[in-house]
Amino acid sequence: QVYLYIMRSVERIQVATFVYLSSLICNIILNAIFIFGMF
């Protein structure tokens, strides 16, 4: 969070978008696998 907020402050916005979007996709997939016992 500290690193991404500093990057925001120097107008490097895209990196945080990519990082958080990747994290969300990973979380959704792993949630489905672990919570409901898929695969």
PDB file of all heavy atoms in Angstrom:
ATOM      1  N   GLN A   1       0.819  -1.209   0.000  1.00  0.00           N
ATOM      2  CA  GLN A   1       0.000   0.000   0.000  1.00  0.00           C
ATOM      3  C   GLN A   1       0.855   1.263   0.000  1.00  0.00           C
ATOM      4  O   GLN A   1       0.565   2.213  -0.735  1.00  0.00           O
ATOM      5  CB  GLN A   1      -0.931  -0.002   1.215  1.00  0.00           C
ATOM      6  CG  GLN A   1      -1.922   1.159   1.224  1.00  0.00           C
ATOM      7  CD  GLN A   1      -2.989   0.990   2.286  1.00  0.00           C
ATOM      8  OE1 GLN A   1      -3.413  -0.122   2.584  1.00  0.00           O
ATOM      9  NE2 GLN A   1      -3.410   2.088   2.877  1.00  0.00           N
ATOM     10  N   VAL A   2       1.906   1.278   0.807  1.00  0.00           N
ATOM     11  CA  VAL A   2       2.777   2.459   0.843  1.00  0.00           C
ATOM     12  C   VAL A   2       3.395   2.713  -0.528  1.00  0.00           C
ATOM     13  O   VAL A   2       3.379   3.848  -1.035  1.00  0.00           O
ATOM     14  CB  VAL A   2       3.883   2.285   1.908  1.00  0.00           C
ATOM     15  CG1 VAL A   2       4.954   3.363   1.751  1.00  0.00           C
ATOM     16  CG2 VAL A   2       3.291   2.348   3.306  1.00  0.00           C
ATOM     17  N   TYR A   3       3.922   1.675  -1.137  1.00  0.00           N
ATOM     18  CA  TYR A   3       4.577   1.847  -2.432  1.00  0.00           C
ATOM     19  C   TYR A   3       3.596   2.348  -3.490  1.00  0.00           C
ATOM     20  O   TYR A   3       3.893   3.282  -4.245  1.00  0.00           O
ATOM     21  CB  TYR A   3       5.210   0.534  -2.893  1.00  0.00           C
ATOM     22  CG  TYR A   3       6.048   0.679  -4.137  1.00  0.00           C
ATOM     23  CD1 TYR A   3       7.384   1.046  -4.048  1.00  0.00           C
ATOM     24  CD2 TYR A   3       5.499   0.484  -5.400  1.00  0.00           C
ATOM     25  CE1 TYR A   3       8.160   1.211  -5.196  1.00  0.00           C
ATOM     26  CE2 TYR A   3       6.261   0.648  -6.544  1.00  0.00           C
ATOM     27  CZ  TYR A   3       7.590   1.007  -6.433  1.00  0.00           C
ATOM     28  OH  TYR A   3       8.343   1.177  -7.575  1.00  0.00           O
ATOM     29  N   LEU A   4       2.410   1.741  -3.551  1.00  0.00           N
ATOM     30  CA  LEU A   4       1.444   2.118  -4.576  1.00  0.00           C
ATOM     31  C   LEU A   4       0.905   3.521  -4.364  1.00  0.00           C
ATOM     32  O   LEU A   4       0.623   4.244  -5.324  1.00  0.00           O
ATOM     33  CB  LEU A   4       0.308   1.101  -4.628  1.00  0.00           C
ATOM     34  CG  LEU A   4       0.700  -0.299  -5.120  1.00  0.00           C
ATOM     35  CD1 LEU A   4      -0.494  -1.230  -5.093  1.00  0.00           C
ATOM     36  CD2 LEU A   4       1.294  -0.240  -6.528  1.00  0.00           C
ATOM     37  N   TYR A   5       0.765   3.942  -3.101  1.00  0.00           N
ATOM     38  CA  TYR A   5       0.295   5.304  -2.841  1.00  0.00           C
ATOM     39  C   TYR A   5       1.342   6.336  -3.253  1.00  0.00           C
ATOM     40  O   TYR A   5       0.991   7.409  -3.771  1.00  0.00           O
ATOM     41  CB  TYR A   5      -0.073   5.477  -1.364  1.00  0.00           C
ATOM     42  CG  TYR A   5      -1.527   5.215  -1.069  1.00  0.00           C
ATOM     43  CD1 TYR A   5      -2.055   3.925  -1.192  1.00  0.00           C
ATOM     44  CD2 TYR A   5      -2.380   6.232  -0.681  1.00  0.00           C
ATOM     45  CE1 TYR A   5      -3.393   3.671  -0.936  1.00  0.00           C
ATOM     46  CE2 TYR A   5      -3.722   5.988  -0.416  1.00  0.00           C
ATOM     47  CZ  TYR A   5      -4.217   4.713  -0.555  1.00  0.00           C
ATOM     48  OH  TYR A   5      -5.536   4.475  -0.297  1.00  0.00           O
ATOM     49  N   ILE A   6       2.614   6.012  -3.028  1.00  0.00           N
ATOM     50  CA  ILE A   6       3.661   6.922  -3.481  1.00  0.00           C
ATOM     51  C   ILE A   6       3.649   7.011  -5.006  1.00  0.00           C
ATOM     52  O   ILE A   6       3.802   8.093  -5.595  1.00  0.00           O
ATOM     53  CB  ILE A   6       5.039   6.462  -2.985  1.00  0.00           C
ATOM     54  CG1 ILE A   6       5.107   6.530  -1.451  1.00  0.00           C
ATOM     55  CG2 ILE A   6       6.154   7.299  -3.610  1.00  0.00           C
ATOM     56  CD1 ILE A   6       5.046   7.919  -0.888  1.00  0.00           C
ATOM     57  N   MET A   7       3.450   5.873  -5.678  1.00  0.00           N
ATOM     58  CA  MET A   7       3.383   5.879  -7.141  1.00  0.00           C
ATOM     59  C   MET A   7       2.186   6.695  -7.635  1.00  0.00           C
ATOM     60  O   MET A   7       2.268   7.396  -8.649  1.00  0.00           O
ATOM     61  CB  MET A   7       3.296   4.445  -7.665  1.00  0.00           C
ATOM     62  CG  MET A   7       4.568   3.625  -7.492  1.00  0.00           C
ATOM     63  SD  MET A   7       6.022   4.377  -8.269  1.00  0.00           S
ATOM     64  CE  MET A   7       6.854   5.078  -6.814  1.00  0.00           C
ATOM     65  N   ARG A   8       1.078   6.620  -6.931  1.00  0.00           N
ATOM     66  CA  ARG A   8      -0.063   7.450  -7.285  1.00  0.00           C
ATOM     67  C   ARG A   8       0.308   8.930  -7.210  1.00  0.00           C
ATOM     68  O   ARG A   8      -0.072   9.733  -8.070  1.00  0.00           O
ATOM     69  CB  ARG A   8      -1.224   7.194  -6.319  1.00  0.00           C
ATOM     70  CG  ARG A   8      -1.994   5.916  -6.521  1.00  0.00           C
ATOM     71  CD  ARG A   8      -3.065   5.827  -5.449  1.00  0.00           C
ATOM     72  NE  ARG A   8      -3.953   4.695  -5.631  1.00  0.00           N
ATOM     73  CZ  ARG A   8      -5.003   4.452  -4.849  1.00  0.00           C
ATOM     74  NH1 ARG A   8      -5.257   5.251  -3.845  1.00  0.00           N
ATOM     75  NH2 ARG A   8      -5.766   3.405  -5.072  1.00  0.00           N
ATOM     76  N   SER A   9       1.038   9.285  -6.157  1.00  0.00           N
ATOM     77  CA  SER A   9       1.355  10.684  -5.915  1.00  0.00           C
ATOM     78  C   SER A   9       2.265  11.266  -6.976  1.00  0.00           C
ATOM     79  O   SER A   9       2.300  12.487  -7.164  1.00  0.00           O
ATOM     80  CB  SER A   9       2.018  10.844  -4.535  1.00  0.00           C
ATOM     81  OG  SER A   9       1.163  10.374  -3.511  1.00  0.00           O
ATOM     82  N   VAL A  10       3.034  10.410  -7.654  1.00  0.00           N
ATOM     83  CA  VAL A  10       3.911  10.887  -8.729  1.00  0.00           C
ATOM     84  C   VAL A  10       3.321  10.545 -10.094  1.00  0.00           C
ATOM     85  O   VAL A  10       4.034  10.426 -11.085  1.00  0.00           O
ATOM     86  CB  VAL A  10       5.339  10.313  -8.581  1.00  0.00           C
ATOM     87  CG1 VAL A  10       5.954  10.769  -7.279  1.00  0.00           C
ATOM     88  CG2 VAL A  10       5.349   8.790  -8.669  1.00  0.00           C
ATOM     89  N   GLU A  11       1.994  10.376 -10.106  1.00  0.00           N
ATOM     90  CA  GLU A  11       1.221  10.191 -11.343  1.00  0.00           C
ATOM     91  C   GLU A  11       1.564   8.906 -12.083  1.00  0.00           C
ATOM     92  O   GLU A  11       1.492   8.841 -13.304  1.00  0.00           O
ATOM     93  CB  GLU A  11       1.404  11.411 -12.261  1.00  0.00           C
ATOM     94  CG  GLU A  11       0.948  12.707 -11.614  1.00  0.00           C
ATOM     95  CD  GLU A  11       1.192  13.928 -12.486  1.00  0.00           C
ATOM     96  OE1 GLU A  11       2.355  14.344 -12.601  1.00  0.00           O
ATOM     97  OE2 GLU A  11       0.211  14.447 -13.045  1.00  0.00           O
ATOM     98  N   ARG A  12       1.920   7.862 -11.328  1.00  0.00           N
ATOM     99  CA  ARG A  12       2.096   6.527 -11.902  1.00  0.00           C
ATOM    100  C   ARG A  12       0.880   5.697 -11.491  1.00  0.00           C
ATOM    101  O   ARG A  12       0.942   4.828 -10.629  1.00  0.00           O
ATOM    102  CB  ARG A  12       3.387   5.878 -11.403  1.00  0.00           C
ATOM    103  CG  ARG A  12       4.656   6.648 -11.709  1.00  0.00           C
ATOM    104  CD  ARG A  12       4.919   6.721 -13.215  1.00  0.00           C
ATOM    105  NE  ARG A  12       6.201   7.361 -13.513  1.00  0.00           N
ATOM    106  CZ  ARG A  12       6.362   8.657 -13.714  1.00  0.00           C
ATOM    107  NH1 ARG A  12       5.309   9.466 -13.630  1.00  0.00           N
ATOM    108  NH2 ARG A  12       7.540   9.163 -13.993  1.00  0.00           N
ATOM    109  N   ILE A  13      -0.254   6.010 -12.101  1.00  0.00           N
ATOM    110  CA  ILE A  13      -1.535   5.448 -11.672  1.00  0.00           C
ATOM    111  C   ILE A  13      -1.727   4.013 -12.158  1.00  0.00           C
ATOM    112  O   ILE A  13      -2.292   3.170 -11.462  1.00  0.00           O
ATOM    113  CB  ILE A  13      -2.699   6.320 -12.202  1.00  0.00           C
ATOM    114  CG1 ILE A  13      -2.477   7.785 -11.836  1.00  0.00           C
ATOM    115  CG2 ILE A  13      -4.019   5.824 -11.653  1.00  0.00           C
ATOM    116  CD1 ILE A  13      -2.463   8.072 -10.375  1.00  0.00           C
ATOM    117  N   GLN A  14      -1.229   3.703 -13.348  1.00  0.00           N
ATOM    118  CA  GLN A  14      -1.568   2.438 -13.991  1.00  0.00           C
ATOM    119  C   GLN A  14      -1.051   1.220 -13.226  1.00  0.00           C
ATOM    120  O   GLN A  14      -1.682   0.166 -13.236  1.00  0.00           O
ATOM    121  CB  GLN A  14      -1.009   2.414 -15.424  1.00  0.00           C
ATOM    122  CG  GLN A  14      -1.632   3.419 -16.363  1.00  0.00           C
ATOM    123  CD  GLN A  14      -1.026   4.799 -16.241  1.00  0.00           C
ATOM    124  OE1 GLN A  14      -0.168   5.037 -15.406  1.00  0.00           O
ATOM    125  NE2 GLN A  14      -1.497   5.718 -17.081  1.00  0.00           N
ATOM    126  N   VAL A  15       0.100   1.359 -12.566  1.00  0.00           N
ATOM    127  CA  VAL A  15       0.681   0.196 -11.887  1.00  0.00           C
ATOM    128  C   VAL A  15      -0.249  -0.322 -10.792  1.00  0.00           C
ATOM    129  O   VAL A  15      -0.434  -1.525 -10.627  1.00  0.00           O
ATOM    130  CB  VAL A  15       2.080   0.533 -11.321  1.00  0.00           C
ATOM    131  CG1 VAL A  15       2.028   1.688 -10.322  1.00  0.00           C
ATOM    132  CG2 VAL A  15       2.679  -0.692 -10.636  1.00  0.00           C
ATOM    133  N   ALA A  16      -0.865   0.583 -10.019  1.00  0.00           N
ATOM    134  CA  ALA A  16      -1.776   0.158  -8.957  1.00  0.00           C
ATOM    135  C   ALA A  16      -3.017  -0.523  -9.529  1.00  0.00           C
ATOM    136  O   ALA A  16      -3.516  -1.505  -8.971  1.00  0.00           O
ATOM    137  CB  ALA A  16      -2.184   1.354  -8.100  1.00  0.00           C
ATOM    138  N   THR A  17      -3.508  -0.005 -10.648  1.00  0.00           N
ATOM    139  CA  THR A  17      -4.665  -0.630 -11.289  1.00  0.00           C
ATOM    140  C   THR A  17      -4.354  -2.064 -11.694  1.00  0.00           C
ATOM    141  O   THR A  17      -5.139  -2.987 -11.457  1.00  0.00           O
ATOM    142  CB  THR A  17      -5.090   0.179 -12.528  1.00  0.00           C
ATOM    143  OG1 THR A  17      -5.350   1.529 -12.150  1.00  0.00           O
ATOM    144  CG2 THR A  17      -6.340  -0.424 -13.158  1.00  0.00           C
ATOM    145  N   PHE A  18      -3.202  -2.273 -12.303  1.00  0.00           N
ATOM    146  CA  PHE A  18      -2.800  -3.613 -12.722  1.00  0.00           C
ATOM    147  C   PHE A  18      -2.622  -4.541 -11.522  1.00  0.00           C
ATOM    148  O   PHE A  18      -3.081  -5.698 -11.537  1.00  0.00           O
ATOM    149  CB  PHE A  18      -1.495  -3.540 -13.521  1.00  0.00           C
ATOM    150  CG  PHE A  18      -0.947  -4.888 -13.916  1.00  0.00           C
ATOM    151  CD1 PHE A  18      -1.516  -5.607 -14.950  1.00  0.00           C
ATOM    152  CD2 PHE A  18       0.123  -5.446 -13.217  1.00  0.00           C
ATOM    153  CE1 PHE A  18      -1.028  -6.859 -15.298  1.00  0.00           C
ATOM    154  CE2 PHE A  18       0.625  -6.688 -13.558  1.00  0.00           C
ATOM    155  CZ  PHE A  18       0.050  -7.404 -14.599  1.00  0.00           C
ATOM    156  N   VAL A  19      -1.965  -4.055 -10.484  1.00  0.00           N
ATOM    157  CA  VAL A  19      -1.709  -4.880  -9.293  1.00  0.00           C
ATOM    158  C   VAL A  19      -3.014  -5.274  -8.620  1.00  0.00           C
ATOM    159  O   VAL A  19      -3.240  -6.454  -8.299  1.00  0.00           O
ATOM    160  CB  VAL A  19      -0.796  -4.123  -8.305  1.00  0.00           C
ATOM    161  CG1 VAL A  19      -0.743  -4.845  -6.955  1.00  0.00           C
ATOM    162  CG2 VAL A  19       0.608  -3.999  -8.875  1.00  0.00           C
ATOM    163  N   TYR A  20      -3.899  -4.315  -8.407  1.00  0.00           N
ATOM    164  CA  TYR A  20      -5.154  -4.610  -7.702  1.00  0.00           C
ATOM    165  C   TYR A  20      -6.092  -5.480  -8.545  1.00  0.00           C
ATOM    166  O   TYR A  20      -6.810  -6.333  -8.016  1.00  0.00           O
ATOM    167  CB  TYR A  20      -5.850  -3.318  -7.293  1.00  0.00           C
ATOM    168  CG  TYR A  20      -5.174  -2.600  -6.151  1.00  0.00           C
ATOM    169  CD1 TYR A  20      -5.072  -1.209  -6.123  1.00  0.00           C
ATOM    170  CD2 TYR A  20      -4.626  -3.304  -5.078  1.00  0.00           C
ATOM    171  CE1 TYR A  20      -4.452  -0.546  -5.069  1.00  0.00           C
ATOM    172  CE2 TYR A  20      -4.003  -2.650  -4.028  1.00  0.00           C
ATOM    173  CZ  TYR A  20      -3.916  -1.276  -4.033  1.00  0.00           C
ATOM    174  OH  TYR A  20      -3.299  -0.635  -2.986  1.00  0.00           O
ATOM    175  N   LEU A  21      -6.109  -5.266  -9.854  1.00  0.00           N
ATOM    176  CA  LEU A  21      -6.950  -6.093 -10.714  1.00  0.00           C
ATOM    177  C   LEU A  21      -6.455  -7.539 -10.716  1.00  0.00           C
ATOM    178  O   LEU A  21      -7.259  -8.476 -10.633  1.00  0.00           O
ATOM    179  CB  LEU A  21      -6.967  -5.534 -12.132  1.00  0.00           C
ATOM    180  CG  LEU A  21      -7.828  -6.295 -13.144  1.00  0.00           C
ATOM    181  CD1 LEU A  21      -9.280  -6.330 -12.690  1.00  0.00           C
ATOM    182  CD2 LEU A  21      -7.717  -5.669 -14.529  1.00  0.00           C
ATOM    183  N   SER A  22      -5.146  -7.725 -10.785  1.00  0.00           N
ATOM    184  CA  SER A  22      -4.577  -9.077 -10.734  1.00  0.00           C
ATOM    185  C   SER A  22      -4.918  -9.748  -9.415  1.00  0.00           C
ATOM    186  O   SER A  22      -5.250 -10.940  -9.366  1.00  0.00           O
ATOM    187  CB  SER A  22      -3.057  -9.007 -10.917  1.00  0.00           C
ATOM    188  OG  SER A  22      -2.714  -8.429 -12.153  1.00  0.00           O
ATOM    189  N   SER A  23      -4.843  -8.980  -8.321  1.00  0.00           N
ATOM    190  CA  SER A  23      -5.161  -9.512  -6.998  1.00  0.00           C
ATOM    191  C   SER A  23      -6.628  -9.927  -6.903  1.00  0.00           C
ATOM    192  O   SER A  23      -6.956 -10.976  -6.335  1.00  0.00           O
ATOM    193  CB  SER A  23      -4.844  -8.460  -5.938  1.00  0.00           C
ATOM    194  OG  SER A  23      -5.261  -8.881  -4.660  1.00  0.00           O
ATOM    195  N   LEU A  24      -7.513  -9.111  -7.455  1.00  0.00           N
ATOM    196  CA  LEU A  24      -8.943  -9.420  -7.415  1.00  0.00           C
ATOM    197  C   LEU A  24      -9.251 -10.703  -8.173  1.00  0.00           C
ATOM    198  O   LEU A  24      -9.991 -11.572  -7.690  1.00  0.00           O
ATOM    199  CB  LEU A  24      -9.750  -8.258  -7.998  1.00  0.00           C
ATOM    200  CG  LEU A  24     -11.254  -8.487  -8.126  1.00  0.00           C
ATOM    201  CD1 LEU A  24     -11.890  -8.741  -6.775  1.00  0.00           C
ATOM    202  CD2 LEU A  24     -11.918  -7.304  -8.817  1.00  0.00           C
ATOM    203  N   ILE A  25      -8.693 -10.836  -9.376  1.00  0.00           N
ATOM    204  CA  ILE A  25      -8.929 -12.034 -10.173  1.00  0.00           C
ATOM    205  C   ILE A  25      -8.419 -13.273  -9.444  1.00  0.00           C
ATOM    206  O   ILE A  25      -9.083 -14.312  -9.378  1.00  0.00           O
ATOM    207  CB  ILE A  25      -8.253 -11.902 -11.557  1.00  0.00           C
ATOM    208  CG1 ILE A  25      -8.927 -10.781 -12.356  1.00  0.00           C
ATOM    209  CG2 ILE A  25      -8.326 -13.216 -12.325  1.00  0.00           C
ATOM    210  CD1 ILE A  25      -8.202 -10.440 -13.634  1.00  0.00           C
ATOM    211  N   CYS A  26      -7.218 -13.154  -8.868  1.00  0.00           N
ATOM    212  CA  CYS A  26      -6.640 -14.259  -8.091  1.00  0.00           C
ATOM    213  C   CYS A  26      -7.536 -14.615  -6.910  1.00  0.00           C
ATOM    214  O   CYS A  26      -7.783 -15.801  -6.649  1.00  0.00           O
ATOM    215  CB  CYS A  26      -5.246 -13.854  -7.605  1.00  0.00           C
ATOM    216  SG  CYS A  26      -4.466 -15.047  -6.488  1.00  0.00           S
ATOM    217  N   ASN A  27      -8.045 -13.606  -6.220  1.00  0.00           N
ATOM    218  CA  ASN A  27      -8.884 -13.853  -5.041  1.00  0.00           C
ATOM    219  C   ASN A  27     -10.198 -14.542  -5.400  1.00  0.00           C
ATOM    220  O   ASN A  27     -10.647 -15.453  -4.699  1.00  0.00           O
ATOM    221  CB  ASN A  27      -9.155 -12.529  -4.319  1.00  0.00           C
ATOM    222  CG  ASN A  27      -9.842 -12.708  -2.986  1.00  0.00           C
ATOM    223  OD1 ASN A  27     -11.037 -12.476  -2.861  1.00  0.00           O
ATOM    224  ND2 ASN A  27      -9.087 -13.127  -1.986  1.00  0.00           N
ATOM    225  N   ILE A  28     -10.807 -14.118  -6.491  1.00  0.00           N
ATOM    226  CA  ILE A  28     -12.081 -14.721  -6.915  1.00  0.00           C
ATOM    227  C   ILE A  28     -11.883 -16.201  -7.258  1.00  0.00           C
ATOM    228  O   ILE A  28     -12.657 -17.067  -6.823  1.00  0.00           O
ATOM    229  CB  ILE A  28     -12.653 -13.958  -8.123  1.00  0.00           C
ATOM    230  CG1 ILE A  28     -13.104 -12.559  -7.693  1.00  0.00           C
ATOM    231  CG2 ILE A  28     -13.825 -14.727  -8.728  1.00  0.00           C
ATOM    232  CD1 ILE A  28     -13.536 -11.680  -8.853  1.00  0.00           C
ATOM    233  N   ILE A  29     -10.835 -16.487  -8.021  1.00  0.00           N
ATOM    234  CA  ILE A  29     -10.580 -17.874  -8.432  1.00  0.00           C
ATOM    235  C   ILE A  29     -10.278 -18.756  -7.223  1.00  0.00           C
ATOM    236  O   ILE A  29     -10.843 -19.847  -7.063  1.00  0.00           O
ATOM    237  CB  ILE A  29      -9.423 -17.921  -9.443  1.00  0.00           C
ATOM    238  CG1 ILE A  29      -9.826 -17.208 -10.741  1.00  0.00           C
ATOM    239  CG2 ILE A  29      -9.024 -19.369  -9.734  1.00  0.00           C
ATOM    240  CD1 ILE A  29      -8.683 -17.045 -11.731  1.00  0.00           C
ATOM    241  N   LEU A  30      -9.384 -18.276  -6.353  1.00  0.00           N
ATOM    242  CA  LEU A  30      -9.001 -19.071  -5.185  1.00  0.00           C
ATOM    243  C   LEU A  30     -10.147 -19.197  -4.184  1.00  0.00           C
ATOM    244  O   LEU A  30     -10.283 -20.234  -3.524  1.00  0.00           O
ATOM    245  CB  LEU A  30      -7.774 -18.453  -4.515  1.00  0.00           C
ATOM    246  CG  LEU A  30      -6.479 -18.484  -5.340  1.00  0.00           C
ATOM    247  CD1 LEU A  30      -5.344 -17.824  -4.570  1.00  0.00           C
ATOM    248  CD2 LEU A  30      -6.114 -19.916  -5.710  1.00  0.00           C
ATOM    249  N   ASN A  31     -10.957 -18.162  -4.055  1.00  0.00           N
ATOM    250  CA  ASN A  31     -12.144 -18.262  -3.189  1.00  0.00           C
ATOM    251  C   ASN A  31     -13.050 -19.405  -3.638  1.00  0.00           C
ATOM    252  O   ASN A  31     -13.503 -20.218  -2.836  1.00  0.00           O
ATOM    253  CB  ASN A  31     -12.925 -16.951  -3.222  1.00  0.00           C
ATOM    254  CG  ASN A  31     -12.686 -16.100  -1.990  1.00  0.00           C
ATOM    255  OD1 ASN A  31     -12.020 -16.519  -1.043  1.00  0.00           O
ATOM    256  ND2 ASN A  31     -13.209 -14.895  -1.995  1.00  0.00           N
ATOM    257  N   ALA A  32     -13.329 -19.436  -4.933  1.00  0.00           N
ATOM    258  CA  ALA A  32     -14.201 -20.488  -5.463  1.00  0.00           C
ATOM    259  C   ALA A  32     -13.608 -21.874  -5.223  1.00  0.00           C
ATOM    260  O   ALA A  32     -14.320 -22.818  -4.852  1.00  0.00           O
ATOM    261  CB  ALA A  32     -14.436 -20.262  -6.955  1.00  0.00           C
ATOM    262  N   ILE A  33     -12.293 -21.992  -5.398  1.00  0.00           N
ATOM    263  CA  ILE A  33     -11.635 -23.294  -5.226  1.00  0.00           C
ATOM    264  C   ILE A  33     -11.651 -23.730  -3.769  1.00  0.00           C
ATOM    265  O   ILE A  33     -12.017 -24.869  -3.438  1.00  0.00           O
ATOM    266  CB  ILE A  33     -10.185 -23.226  -5.749  1.00  0.00           C
ATOM    267  CG1 ILE A  33     -10.181 -23.036  -7.273  1.00  0.00           C
ATOM    268  CG2 ILE A  33      -9.423 -24.501  -5.383  1.00  0.00           C
ATOM    269  CD1 ILE A  33      -8.799 -22.789  -7.843  1.00  0.00           C
ATOM    270  N   PHE A  34     -11.262 -22.832  -2.860  1.00  0.00           N
ATOM    271  CA  PHE A  34     -11.103 -23.202  -1.457  1.00  0.00           C
ATOM    272  C   PHE A  34     -12.427 -23.271  -0.690  1.00  0.00           C
ATOM    273  O   PHE A  34     -12.631 -24.156   0.138  1.00  0.00           O
ATOM    274  CB  PHE A  34     -10.164 -22.217  -0.755  1.00  0.00           C
ATOM    275  CG  PHE A  34      -8.750 -22.244  -1.270  1.00  0.00           C
ATOM    276  CD1 PHE A  34      -7.987 -21.092  -1.300  1.00  0.00           C
ATOM    277  CD2 PHE A  34      -8.189 -23.419  -1.735  1.00  0.00           C
ATOM    278  CE1 PHE A  34      -6.673 -21.108  -1.774  1.00  0.00           C
ATOM    279  CE2 PHE A  34      -6.891 -23.458  -2.220  1.00  0.00           C
ATOM    280  CZ  PHE A  34      -6.130 -22.301  -2.237  1.00  0.00           C
ATOM    281  N   ILE A  35     -13.334 -22.318  -0.958  1.00  0.00           N
ATOM    282  CA  ILE A  35     -14.595 -22.286  -0.204  1.00  0.00           C
ATOM    283  C   ILE A  35     -15.515 -23.437  -0.604  1.00  0.00           C
ATOM    284  O   ILE A  35     -16.099 -24.113   0.249  1.00  0.00           O
ATOM    285  CB  ILE A  35     -15.312 -20.935  -0.406  1.00  0.00           C
ATOM    286  CG1 ILE A  35     -14.492 -19.800   0.220  1.00  0.00           C
ATOM    287  CG2 ILE A  35     -16.704 -20.966   0.236  1.00  0.00           C
ATOM    288  CD1 ILE A  35     -15.070 -18.420  -0.036  1.00  0.00           C
ATOM    289  N   PHE A  36     -15.622 -23.693  -1.913  1.00  0.00           N
ATOM    290  CA  PHE A  36     -16.579 -24.685  -2.393  1.00  0.00           C
ATOM    291  C   PHE A  36     -15.934 -26.009  -2.812  1.00  0.00           C
ATOM    292  O   PHE A  36     -16.626 -26.925  -3.246  1.00  0.00           O
ATOM    293  CB  PHE A  36     -17.370 -24.109  -3.569  1.00  0.00           C
ATOM    294  CG  PHE A  36     -18.077 -22.823  -3.234  1.00  0.00           C
ATOM    295  CD1 PHE A  36     -17.711 -21.628  -3.845  1.00  0.00           C
ATOM    296  CD2 PHE A  36     -19.091 -22.793  -2.284  1.00  0.00           C
ATOM    297  CE1 PHE A  36     -18.345 -20.441  -3.530  1.00  0.00           C
ATOM    298  CE2 PHE A  36     -19.734 -21.602  -1.970  1.00  0.00           C
ATOM    299  CZ  PHE A  36     -19.366 -20.424  -2.584  1.00  0.00           C
ATOM    300  N   GLY A  37     -14.603 -26.115  -2.722  1.00  0.00           N
ATOM    301  CA  GLY A  37     -13.937 -27.378  -3.009  1.00  0.00           C
ATOM    302  C   GLY A  37     -13.901 -27.749  -4.476  1.00  0.00           C
ATOM    303  O   GLY A  37     -14.168 -28.904  -4.843  1.00  0.00           O
ATOM    304  N   MET A  38     -13.565 -26.816  -5.324  1.00  0.00           N
ATOM    305  CA  MET A  38     -13.500 -27.098  -6.764  1.00  0.00           C
ATOM    306  C   MET A  38     -12.168 -27.737  -7.136  1.00  0.00           C
ATOM    307  O   MET A  38     -11.181 -27.622  -6.406  1.00  0.00           O
ATOM    308  CB  MET A  38     -13.695 -25.790  -7.550  1.00  0.00           C
ATOM    309  CG  MET A  38     -15.051 -25.128  -7.332  1.00  0.00           C
ATOM    310  SD  MET A  38     -15.186 -23.516  -8.161  1.00  0.00           S
ATOM    311  CE  MET A  38     -15.010 -24.007  -9.883  1.00  0.00           C
ATOM    312  N   PHE A  39     -12.155 -28.433  -8.273  1.00  0.00           N
ATOM    313  CA  PHE A  39     -10.945 -29.063  -8.836  1.00  0.00           C
ATOM    314  C   PHE A  39     -10.269 -30.019  -7.844  1.00  0.00           C
ATOM    315  O   PHE A  39      -9.045 -30.107  -7.768  1.00  0.00           O
ATOM    316  CB  PHE A  39      -9.942 -28.000  -9.291  1.00  0.00           C
ATOM    317  CG  PHE A  39     -10.513 -27.011 -10.267  1.00  0.00           C
ATOM    318  CD1 PHE A  39     -10.703 -25.686  -9.896  1.00  0.00           C
ATOM    319  CD2 PHE A  39     -10.885 -27.401 -11.548  1.00  0.00           C
ATOM    320  CE1 PHE A  39     -11.234 -24.763 -10.790  1.00  0.00           C
ATOM    321  CE2 PHE A  39     -11.406 -26.489 -12.445  1.00  0.00           C
ATOM    322  CZ  PHE A  39     -11.593 -25.172 -12.069  1.00  0.00           C
TER     323      PHE A  39
END
